PDB file of N, CA and C in Angstrom:
ATOM      1  N   UNK A   1      -8.785  50.916  36.758  1.00  0.00           N
ATOM      2  CA  UNK A   1      -8.693  52.376  37.416  1.00  0.00           C
ATOM      3  C   UNK A   1      -7.303  52.593  38.252  1.00  0.00           C
ATOM      4  N   UNK A   2      -6.956  54.021  37.755  1.00  0.00           N
ATOM      5  CA  UNK A   2      -5.702  54.181  38.549  1.00  0.00           C
ATOM      6  C   UNK A   2      -5.666  54.095  40.007  1.00  0.00           C
ATOM      7  N   UNK A   3      -4.842  54.786  40.541  1.00  0.00           N
ATOM      8  CA  UNK A   3      -4.757  55.442  42.073  1.00  0.00           C
ATOM      9  C   UNK A   3      -4.275  57.309  41.857  1.00  0.00           C
ATOM     10  N   UNK A   4      -4.531  57.448  42.864  1.00  0.00           N
ATOM     11  CA  UNK A   4      -4.115  58.849  42.978  1.00  0.00           C
ATOM     12  C   UNK A   4      -3.535  59.017  44.744  1.00  0.00           C
ATOM     13  N   UNK A   5      -2.113  59.848  44.260  1.00  0.00           N
ATOM     14  CA  UNK A   5      -1.284  60.249  45.908  1.00  0.00           C
ATOM     15  C   UNK A   5      -2.176  61.846  46.199  1.00  0.00           C
ATOM     16  N   UNK A   6      -1.910  62.087  47.108  1.00  0.00           N
ATOM     17  CA  UNK A   6      -2.671  62.851  48.136  1.00  0.00           C
ATOM     18  C   UNK A   6      -1.495  63.529  48.903  1.00  0.00           C
ATOM     19  N   UNK A   7      -1.301  64.536  48.747  1.00  0.00           N
ATOM     20  CA  UNK A   7      -0.328  65.224  49.987  1.00  0.00           C
ATOM     21  C   UNK A   7      -1.342  66.063  50.985  1.00  0.00           C
ATOM     22  N   UNK A   8      -1.159  66.114  52.295  1.00  0.00           N
ATOM     23  CA  UNK A   8      -2.624  66.702  53.142  1.00  0.00           C
ATOM     24  C   UNK A   8      -1.510  67.328  53.913  1.00  0.00           C
ATOM     25  N   UNK A   9      -2.061  69.015  54.285  1.00  0.00           N
ATOM     26  CA  UNK A   9      -1.788  69.129  55.495  1.00  0.00           C
ATOM     27  C   UNK A   9      -2.530  69.210  56.491  1.00  0.00           C
ATOM     28  N   UNK A  10      -2.293  68.657  58.008  1.00  0.00           N
ATOM     29  CA  UNK A  10      -3.243  68.772  58.564  1.00  0.00           C
ATOM     30  C   UNK A  10      -2.513  69.737  59.914  1.00  0.00           C
ATOM     31  N   UNK A  11      -3.380  70.715  60.125  1.00  0.00           N
ATOM     32  CA  UNK A  11      -2.760  72.048  61.162  1.00  0.00           C
ATOM     33  C   UNK A  11      -3.761  71.750  62.533  1.00  0.00           C
ATOM     34  N   UNK A  12      -3.315  71.408  63.804  1.00  0.00           N
ATOM     35  CA  UNK A  12      -4.001  71.538  64.738  1.00  0.00           C
ATOM     36  C   UNK A  12      -3.795  72.623  65.583  1.00  0.00           C
ATOM     37  N   UNK A  13      -5.616  72.774  66.647  1.00  0.00           N
ATOM     38  CA  UNK A  13      -5.330  74.156  66.837  1.00  0.00           C
ATOM     39  C   UNK A  13      -4.336  74.001  68.575  1.00  0.00           C
ATOM     40  N   UNK A  14      -4.335  73.065  68.934  1.00  0.00           N
ATOM     41  CA  UNK A  14      -3.479  73.267  70.107  1.00  0.00           C
ATOM     42  C   UNK A  14      -1.930  72.236  70.082  1.00  0.00           C
ATOM     43  N   UNK A  15      -0.886  72.678  70.387  1.00  0.00           N
ATOM     44  CA  UNK A  15       0.358  71.404  69.896  1.00  0.00           C
ATOM     45  C   UNK A  15       0.751  70.590  70.763  1.00  0.00           C
ATOM     46  N   UNK A  16      -0.363  71.254  72.026  1.00  0.00           N
ATOM     47  CA  UNK A  16      -0.316  69.951  72.958  1.00  0.00           C
ATOM     48  C   UNK A  16      -0.988  68.392  73.187  1.00  0.00           C
ATOM     49  N   UNK A  17      -1.386  68.705  72.247  1.00  0.00           N
ATOM     50  CA  UNK A  17      -2.151  67.471  71.319  1.00  0.00           C
ATOM     51  C   UNK A  17      -1.878  66.754  70.514  1.00  0.00           C
ATOM     52  N   UNK A  18      -0.564  66.904  70.188  1.00  0.00           N
ATOM     53  CA  UNK A  18      -0.070  67.159  68.638  1.00  0.00           C
ATOM     54  C   UNK A  18      -0.149  65.929  68.156  1.00  0.00           C
ATOM     55  N   UNK A  19       0.679  64.596  69.325  1.00  0.00           N
ATOM     56  CA  UNK A  19       1.242  63.303  68.867  1.00  0.00           C
ATOM     57  C   UNK A  19      -0.678  62.844  69.161  1.00  0.00           C
ATOM     58  N   UNK A  20      -1.501  63.226  70.226  1.00  0.00           N
ATOM     59  CA  UNK A  20      -2.899  62.709  69.871  1.00  0.00           C
ATOM     60  C   UNK A  20      -3.507  63.138  68.721  1.00  0.00           C
ATOM     61  N   UNK A  21      -3.388  63.776  67.735  1.00  0.00           N
ATOM     62  CA  UNK A  21      -3.927  64.051  66.734  1.00  0.00           C
ATOM     63  C   UNK A  21      -3.211  63.303  65.644  1.00  0.00           C
ATOM     64  N   UNK A  22      -1.920  63.093  65.634  1.00  0.00           N
ATOM     65  CA  UNK A  22      -1.287  62.140  64.736  1.00  0.00           C
ATOM     66  C   UNK A  22      -1.388  60.592  64.869  1.00  0.00           C
ATOM     67  N   UNK A  23      -2.213  60.275  66.056  1.00  0.00           N
ATOM     68  CA  UNK A  23      -2.603  58.832  66.105  1.00  0.00           C
ATOM     69  C   UNK A  23      -3.831  58.968  65.583  1.00  0.00           C
ATOM     70  N   UNK A  24      -4.841  60.073  65.475  1.00  0.00           N
ATOM     71  CA  UNK A  24      -6.146  59.957  65.202  1.00  0.00           C
ATOM     72  C   UNK A  24      -6.144  60.173  63.758  1.00  0.00           C
ATOM     73  N   UNK A  25      -5.457  60.418  62.980  1.00  0.00           N
ATOM     74  CA  UNK A  25      -5.140  60.502  61.688  1.00  0.00           C
ATOM     75  C   UNK A  25      -4.894  58.960  61.610  1.00  0.00           C
ATOM     76  N   UNK A  26      -3.967  58.341  62.093  1.00  0.00           N
ATOM     77  CA  UNK A  26      -3.686  57.159  61.809  1.00  0.00           C
ATOM     78  C   UNK A  26      -4.764  56.137  61.448  1.00  0.00           C
ATOM     79  N   UNK A  27      -5.451  56.506  62.843  1.00  0.00           N
ATOM     80  CA  UNK A  27      -6.363  55.674  62.803  1.00  0.00           C
ATOM     81  C   UNK A  27      -7.647  55.857  62.187  1.00  0.00           C
ATOM     82  N   UNK A  28      -8.019  57.011  61.665  1.00  0.00           N
ATOM     83  CA  UNK A  28      -9.198  57.602  60.740  1.00  0.00           C
ATOM     84  C   UNK A  28      -8.368  56.419  59.413  1.00  0.00           C
ATOM     85  N   UNK A  29      -7.405  57.131  58.513  1.00  0.00           N
ATOM     86  CA  UNK A  29      -6.981  56.492  57.327  1.00  0.00           C
ATOM     87  C   UNK A  29      -7.140  54.989  57.617  1.00  0.00           C
ATOM     88  N   UNK A  30      -6.857  54.231  58.293  1.00  0.00           N
ATOM     89  CA  UNK A  30      -6.693  52.948  58.250  1.00  0.00           C
ATOM     90  C   UNK A  30      -7.915  52.256  58.721  1.00  0.00           C
ATOM     91  N   UNK A  31      -8.667  53.013  59.785  1.00  0.00           N
ATOM     92  CA  UNK A  31      -9.771  51.967  59.883  1.00  0.00           C
ATOM     93  C   UNK A  31     -11.299  52.374  59.674  1.00  0.00           C
ATOM     94  N   UNK A  32     -11.362  54.030  59.796  1.00  0.00           N
ATOM     95  CA  UNK A  32     -12.714  54.726  59.553  1.00  0.00           C
ATOM     96  C   UNK A  32     -13.366  54.655  57.898  1.00  0.00           C
ATOM     97  N   UNK A  33     -11.787  54.372  56.435  1.00  0.00           N
ATOM     98  CA  UNK A  33     -12.183  54.723  55.405  1.00  0.00           C
ATOM     99  C   UNK A  33     -12.427  53.479  54.388  1.00  0.00           C
ATOM    100  N   UNK A  34     -13.248  52.798  55.105  1.00  0.00           N
ATOM    101  CA  UNK A  34     -13.367  51.262  54.295  1.00  0.00           C
ATOM    102  C   UNK A  34     -12.286  50.597  53.190  1.00  0.00           C
ATOM    103  N   UNK A  35     -11.123  50.740  53.374  1.00  0.00           N
ATOM    104  CA  UNK A  35     -10.202  49.836  52.962  1.00  0.00           C
ATOM    105  C   UNK A  35      -9.572  50.553  51.683  1.00  0.00           C
ATOM    106  N   UNK A  36     -10.314  52.191  51.682  1.00  0.00           N
ATOM    107  CA  UNK A  36      -9.833  52.841  50.091  1.00  0.00           C
ATOM    108  C   UNK A  36      -8.366  53.228  50.283  1.00  0.00           C
ATOM    109  N   UNK A  37      -7.638  52.982  51.534  1.00  0.00           N
ATOM    110  CA  UNK A  37      -6.496  54.136  51.526  1.00  0.00           C
ATOM    111  C   UNK A  37      -5.244  52.790  51.613  1.00  0.00           C
ATOM    112  N   UNK A  38      -4.466  52.765  50.529  1.00  0.00           N
ATOM    113  CA  UNK A  38      -3.327  51.729  50.182  1.00  0.00           C
ATOM    114  C   UNK A  38      -2.119  51.982  50.822  1.00  0.00           C
ATOM    115  N   UNK A  39      -1.842  53.116  50.452  1.00  0.00           N
ATOM    116  CA  UNK A  39      -0.487  53.313  51.514  1.00  0.00           C
ATOM    117  C   UNK A  39      -0.782  54.655  52.347  1.00  0.00           C
ATOM    118  N   UNK A  40       0.165  55.219  53.578  1.00  0.00           N
ATOM    119  CA  UNK A  40      -0.304  55.933  54.467  1.00  0.00           C
ATOM    120  C   UNK A  40       1.489  56.317  54.762  1.00  0.00           C
ATOM    121  N   UNK A  41       1.569  57.421  54.898  1.00  0.00           N
ATOM    122  CA  UNK A  41       3.013  57.734  55.540  1.00  0.00           C
ATOM    123  C   UNK A  41       2.870  59.369  56.355  1.00  0.00           C
ATOM    124  N   UNK A  42       2.780  59.462  57.221  1.00  0.00           N
ATOM    125  CA  UNK A  42       2.843  60.280  58.296  1.00  0.00           C
ATOM    126  C   UNK A  42       4.115  60.884  58.757  1.00  0.00           C
ATOM    127  N   UNK A  43       4.003  62.301  58.450  1.00  0.00           N
ATOM    128  CA  UNK A  43       5.434  62.691  58.546  1.00  0.00           C
ATOM    129  C   UNK A  43       5.051  64.736  59.496  1.00  0.00           C
ATOM    130  N   UNK A  44       6.093  65.386  60.049  1.00  0.00           N
ATOM    131  CA  UNK A  44       5.925  66.863  60.899  1.00  0.00           C
ATOM    132  C   UNK A  44       6.464  67.249  59.514  1.00  0.00           C
ATOM    133  N   UNK A  45       5.898  69.179  60.055  1.00  0.00           N
ATOM    134  CA  UNK A  45       6.619  70.184  59.004  1.00  0.00           C
ATOM    135  C   UNK A  45       6.628  71.428  60.074  1.00  0.00           C
ATOM    136  N   UNK A  46       7.314  71.978  60.279  1.00  0.00           N
ATOM    137  CA  UNK A  46       7.852  73.135  61.005  1.00  0.00           C
ATOM    138  C   UNK A  46       7.265  74.250  59.981  1.00  0.00           C
ATOM    139  N   UNK A  47       6.424  74.930  61.233  1.00  0.00           N
ATOM    140  CA  UNK A  47       5.059  76.160  60.547  1.00  0.00           C
ATOM    141  C   UNK A  47       6.140  77.504  61.111  1.00  0.00           C
ATOM    142  N   UNK A  48       6.080  77.947  62.024  1.00  0.00           N
ATOM    143  CA  UNK A  48       6.651  79.050  62.699  1.00  0.00           C
ATOM    144  C   UNK A  48       6.303  78.978  64.439  1.00  0.00           C
ATOM    145  N   UNK A  49       7.225  79.506  65.095  1.00  0.00           N
ATOM    146  CA  UNK A  49       7.054  79.786  66.468  1.00  0.00           C
ATOM    147  C   UNK A  49       6.617  78.508  67.464  1.00  0.00           C
ATOM    148  N   UNK A  50       7.034  77.763  67.191  1.00  0.00           N
ATOM    149  CA  UNK A  50       7.010  76.158  67.604  1.00  0.00           C
ATOM    150  C   UNK A  50       5.856  75.270  66.831  1.00  0.00           C
ATOM    151  N   UNK A  51       5.279  76.007  66.097  1.00  0.00           N
ATOM    152  CA  UNK A  51       3.612  75.502  65.322  1.00  0.00           C
ATOM    153  C   UNK A  51       4.193  74.074  64.590  1.00  0.00           C
ATOM    154  N   UNK A  52       3.822  73.088  64.405  1.00  0.00           N
ATOM    155  CA  UNK A  52       4.008  72.365  63.262  1.00  0.00           C
ATOM    156  C   UNK A  52       2.407  71.776  62.893  1.00  0.00           C
ATOM    157  N   UNK A  53       2.854  71.437  61.297  1.00  0.00           N
ATOM    158  CA  UNK A  53       2.152  70.885  60.598  1.00  0.00           C
ATOM    159  C   UNK A  53       2.138  69.334  61.029  1.00  0.00           C
ATOM    160  N   UNK A  54       0.767  68.304  60.619  1.00  0.00           N
ATOM    161  CA  UNK A  54       1.175  67.065  60.533  1.00  0.00           C
ATOM    162  C   UNK A  54       0.990  66.895  58.867  1.00  0.00           C
ATOM    163  N   UNK A  55       1.703  65.877  58.202  1.00  0.00           N
ATOM    164  CA  UNK A  55       1.800  65.957  56.463  1.00  0.00           C
ATOM    165  C   UNK A  55       1.503  64.569  56.131  1.00  0.00           C
ATOM    166  N   UNK A  56       0.252  63.752  55.694  1.00  0.00           N
ATOM    167  CA  UNK A  56      -0.413  62.805  55.471  1.00  0.00           C
ATOM    168  C   UNK A  56       0.091  62.702  53.985  1.00  0.00           C
ATOM    169  N   UNK A  57       0.730  61.754  53.888  1.00  0.00           N
ATOM    170  CA  UNK A  57       0.717  61.399  52.323  1.00  0.00           C
ATOM    171  C   UNK A  57       0.100  59.658  51.850  1.00  0.00           C
ATOM    172  N   UNK A  58      -1.244  59.982  51.197  1.00  0.00           N
ATOM    173  CA  UNK A  58      -2.040  58.831  51.157  1.00  0.00           C
ATOM    174  C   UNK A  58      -2.272  58.778  49.390  1.00  0.00           C
ATOM    175  N   UNK A  59      -2.425  56.951  49.733  1.00  0.00           N
ATOM    176  CA  UNK A  59      -2.769  56.896  48.235  1.00  0.00           C
ATOM    177  C   UNK A  59      -3.993  55.811  47.948  1.00  0.00           C
ATOM    178  N   UNK A  60      -4.778  56.648  47.680  1.00  0.00           N
ATOM    179  CA  UNK A  60      -6.218  55.661  47.206  1.00  0.00           C
ATOM    180  C   UNK A  60      -6.327  55.978  45.643  1.00  0.00           C
ATOM    181  N   UNK A  61      -7.498  55.020  45.459  1.00  0.00           N
ATOM    182  CA  UNK A  61      -7.849  54.533  43.853  1.00  0.00           C
ATOM    183  C   UNK A  61      -8.569  56.138  43.740  1.00  0.00           C
ATOM    184  N   UNK A  62      -8.328  56.259  42.404  1.00  0.00           N
ATOM    185  CA  UNK A  62      -8.644  57.044  41.258  1.00  0.00           C
ATOM    186  C   UNK A  62     -10.620  56.862  41.257  1.00  0.00           C
ATOM    187  N   UNK A  63     -10.835  57.726  42.263  1.00  0.00           N
ATOM    188  CA  UNK A  63     -12.483  57.308  42.346  1.00  0.00           C
ATOM    189  C   UNK A  63     -13.602  58.848  42.486  1.00  0.00           C
ATOM    190  N   UNK A  64     -14.784  58.979  41.730  1.00  0.00           N
ATOM    191  CA  UNK A  64     -15.354  60.110  42.149  1.00  0.00           C
ATOM    192  C   UNK A  64     -15.443  60.549  43.511  1.00  0.00           C
ATOM    193  N   UNK A  65     -15.014  61.432  44.015  1.00  0.00           N
ATOM    194  CA  UNK A  65     -14.979  62.288  45.308  1.00  0.00           C
ATOM    195  C   UNK A  65     -13.774  61.200  46.772  1.00  0.00           C
ATOM    196  N   UNK A  66     -13.244  60.830  46.031  1.00  0.00           N
ATOM    197  CA  UNK A  66     -12.007  59.826  47.164  1.00  0.00           C
ATOM    198  C   UNK A  66     -11.357  60.832  48.033  1.00  0.00           C
ATOM    199  N   UNK A  67     -10.938  61.839  47.348  1.00  0.00           N
ATOM    200  CA  UNK A  67     -10.167  63.089  47.863  1.00  0.00           C
ATOM    201  C   UNK A  67     -11.098  63.509  48.483  1.00  0.00           C
ATOM    202  N   UNK A  68     -12.294  64.167  48.510  1.00  0.00           N
ATOM    203  CA  UNK A  68     -12.927  64.827  49.470  1.00  0.00           C
ATOM    204  C   UNK A  68     -13.542  64.295  50.727  1.00  0.00           C
ATOM    205  N   UNK A  69     -13.478  62.546  49.749  1.00  0.00           N
ATOM    206  CA  UNK A  69     -13.922  61.751  51.791  1.00  0.00           C
ATOM    207  C   UNK A  69     -12.657  61.610  52.344  1.00  0.00           C
ATOM    208  N   UNK A  70     -11.942  61.874  52.121  1.00  0.00           N
ATOM    209  CA  UNK A  70     -10.603  61.509  52.859  1.00  0.00           C
ATOM    210  C   UNK A  70     -10.167  63.280  53.718  1.00  0.00           C
ATOM    211  N   UNK A  71     -10.496  64.256  53.159  1.00  0.00           N
ATOM    212  CA  UNK A  71     -10.046  65.588  53.699  1.00  0.00           C
ATOM    213  C   UNK A  71     -11.608  65.710  54.960  1.00  0.00           C
ATOM    214  N   UNK A  72     -12.762  65.770  54.179  1.00  0.00           N
ATOM    215  CA  UNK A  72     -13.965  65.274  55.194  1.00  0.00           C
ATOM    216  C   UNK A  72     -13.490  64.405  56.712  1.00  0.00           C
ATOM    217  N   UNK A  73     -12.877  63.118  55.885  1.00  0.00           N
ATOM    218  CA  UNK A  73     -12.769  62.477  57.089  1.00  0.00           C
ATOM    219  C   UNK A  73     -12.026  62.849  58.217  1.00  0.00           C
ATOM    220  N   UNK A  74     -10.416  63.517  58.132  1.00  0.00           N
ATOM    221  CA  UNK A  74      -9.435  64.046  58.870  1.00  0.00           C
ATOM    222  C   UNK A  74     -10.152  65.621  59.143  1.00  0.00           C
ATOM    223  N   UNK A  75     -11.226  65.931  58.433  1.00  0.00           N
ATOM    224  CA  UNK A  75     -11.796  67.277  58.976  1.00  0.00           C
ATOM    225  C   UNK A  75     -12.306  66.825  60.556  1.00  0.00           C
ATOM    226  N   UNK A  76     -12.995  65.699  60.744  1.00  0.00           N
ATOM    227  CA  UNK A  76     -13.454  65.140  62.073  1.00  0.00           C
ATOM    228  C   UNK A  76     -12.924  65.497  63.415  1.00  0.00           C
ATOM    229  N   UNK A  77     -11.689  64.989  62.531  1.00  0.00           N
ATOM    230  CA  UNK A  77     -10.850  64.689  64.340  1.00  0.00           C
ATOM    231  C   UNK A  77     -10.989  66.259  65.280  1.00  0.00           C
ATOM    232  N   UNK A  78     -10.951  66.099  66.598  1.00  0.00           N
ATOM    233  CA  UNK A  78     -10.890  66.825  67.782  1.00  0.00           C
ATOM    234  C   UNK A  78     -10.199  67.819  67.476  1.00  0.00           C
ATOM    235  N   UNK A  79      -9.634  68.938  67.523  1.00  0.00           N
ATOM    236  CA  UNK A  79      -8.972  69.788  67.877  1.00  0.00           C
ATOM    237  C   UNK A  79      -8.115  69.765  66.249  1.00  0.00           C
ATOM    238  N   UNK A  80      -8.237  69.730  65.343  1.00  0.00           N
ATOM    239  CA  UNK A  80      -7.922  69.984  64.246  1.00  0.00           C
ATOM    240  C   UNK A  80      -8.352  71.640  63.382  1.00  0.00           C
ATOM    241  N   UNK A  81      -7.631  72.322  63.482  1.00  0.00           N
ATOM    242  CA  UNK A  81      -7.774  73.549  63.016  1.00  0.00           C
ATOM    243  C   UNK A  81      -8.051  73.643  61.813  1.00  0.00           C
ATOM    244  N   UNK A  82      -7.371  72.708  60.483  1.00  0.00           N
ATOM    245  CA  UNK A  82      -7.762  72.990  59.154  1.00  0.00           C
ATOM    246  C   UNK A  82      -7.139  71.807  58.543  1.00  0.00           C
ATOM    247  N   UNK A  83      -8.059  71.250  57.794  1.00  0.00           N
ATOM    248  CA  UNK A  83      -7.478  69.965  56.586  1.00  0.00           C
ATOM    249  C   UNK A  83      -6.626  70.656  54.830  1.00  0.00           C
ATOM    250  N   UNK A  84      -6.230  70.594  54.712  1.00  0.00           N
ATOM    251  CA  UNK A  84      -5.722  71.393  53.244  1.00  0.00           C
ATOM    252  C   UNK A  84      -5.178  70.337  52.247  1.00  0.00           C
ATOM    253  N   UNK A  85      -5.607  69.861  51.215  1.00  0.00           N
ATOM    254  CA  UNK A  85      -4.611  68.745  50.098  1.00  0.00           C
ATOM    255  C   UNK A  85      -3.919  70.123  49.378  1.00  0.00           C
ATOM    256  N   UNK A  86      -2.703  69.926  49.596  1.00  0.00           N
ATOM    257  CA  UNK A  86      -1.719  70.579  49.332  1.00  0.00           C
ATOM    258  C   UNK A  86      -1.032  70.347  47.846  1.00  0.00           C
ATOM    259  N   UNK A  87      -1.144  68.543  47.542  1.00  0.00           N
ATOM    260  CA  UNK A  87      -0.980  67.709  46.041  1.00  0.00           C
ATOM    261  C   UNK A  87      -1.700  66.651  45.836  1.00  0.00           C
ATOM    262  N   UNK A  88      -1.450  66.628  44.291  1.00  0.00           N
ATOM    263  CA  UNK A  88      -2.477  65.522  43.932  1.00  0.00           C
ATOM    264  C   UNK A  88      -1.861  65.164  42.955  1.00  0.00           C
ATOM    265  N   UNK A  89      -1.413  63.596  42.611  1.00  0.00           N
ATOM    266  CA  UNK A  89      -0.622  63.127  41.212  1.00  0.00           C
ATOM    267  C   UNK A  89      -1.737  61.867  41.093  1.00  0.00           C
ATOM    268  N   UNK A  90      -1.154  61.632  39.987  1.00  0.00           N
ATOM    269  CA  UNK A  90      -2.192  60.194  39.507  1.00  0.00           C
ATOM    270  C   UNK A  90      -1.086  59.485  39.179  1.00  0.00           C
ATOM    271  N   UNK A  91      -0.981  58.020  39.643  1.00  0.00           N
ATOM    272  CA  UNK A  91      -0.068  56.866  39.830  1.00  0.00           C
ATOM    273  C   UNK A  91      -0.475  56.638  38.541  1.00  0.00           C
TER     274      UNK A  91
END
């Protein structure tokens, strides 16, 4: 079984809580995914008018529903407006 690299845009609904959301993203991916996250990289992307998105690059095993599980787990974070997988590549 191979691996899949996901690029996920996470939009906060409040920029004042941006850093707290970034910390929650790291915690959810490392602690709450049952060890399926092999690699994680967090960055920021300027959107407009001072708004930023959190961009998470995640490597997970290529299994049924893995990407959906990651997306669902990130959607649980408080003060997250939207979660969107914008890229998916097999490694």
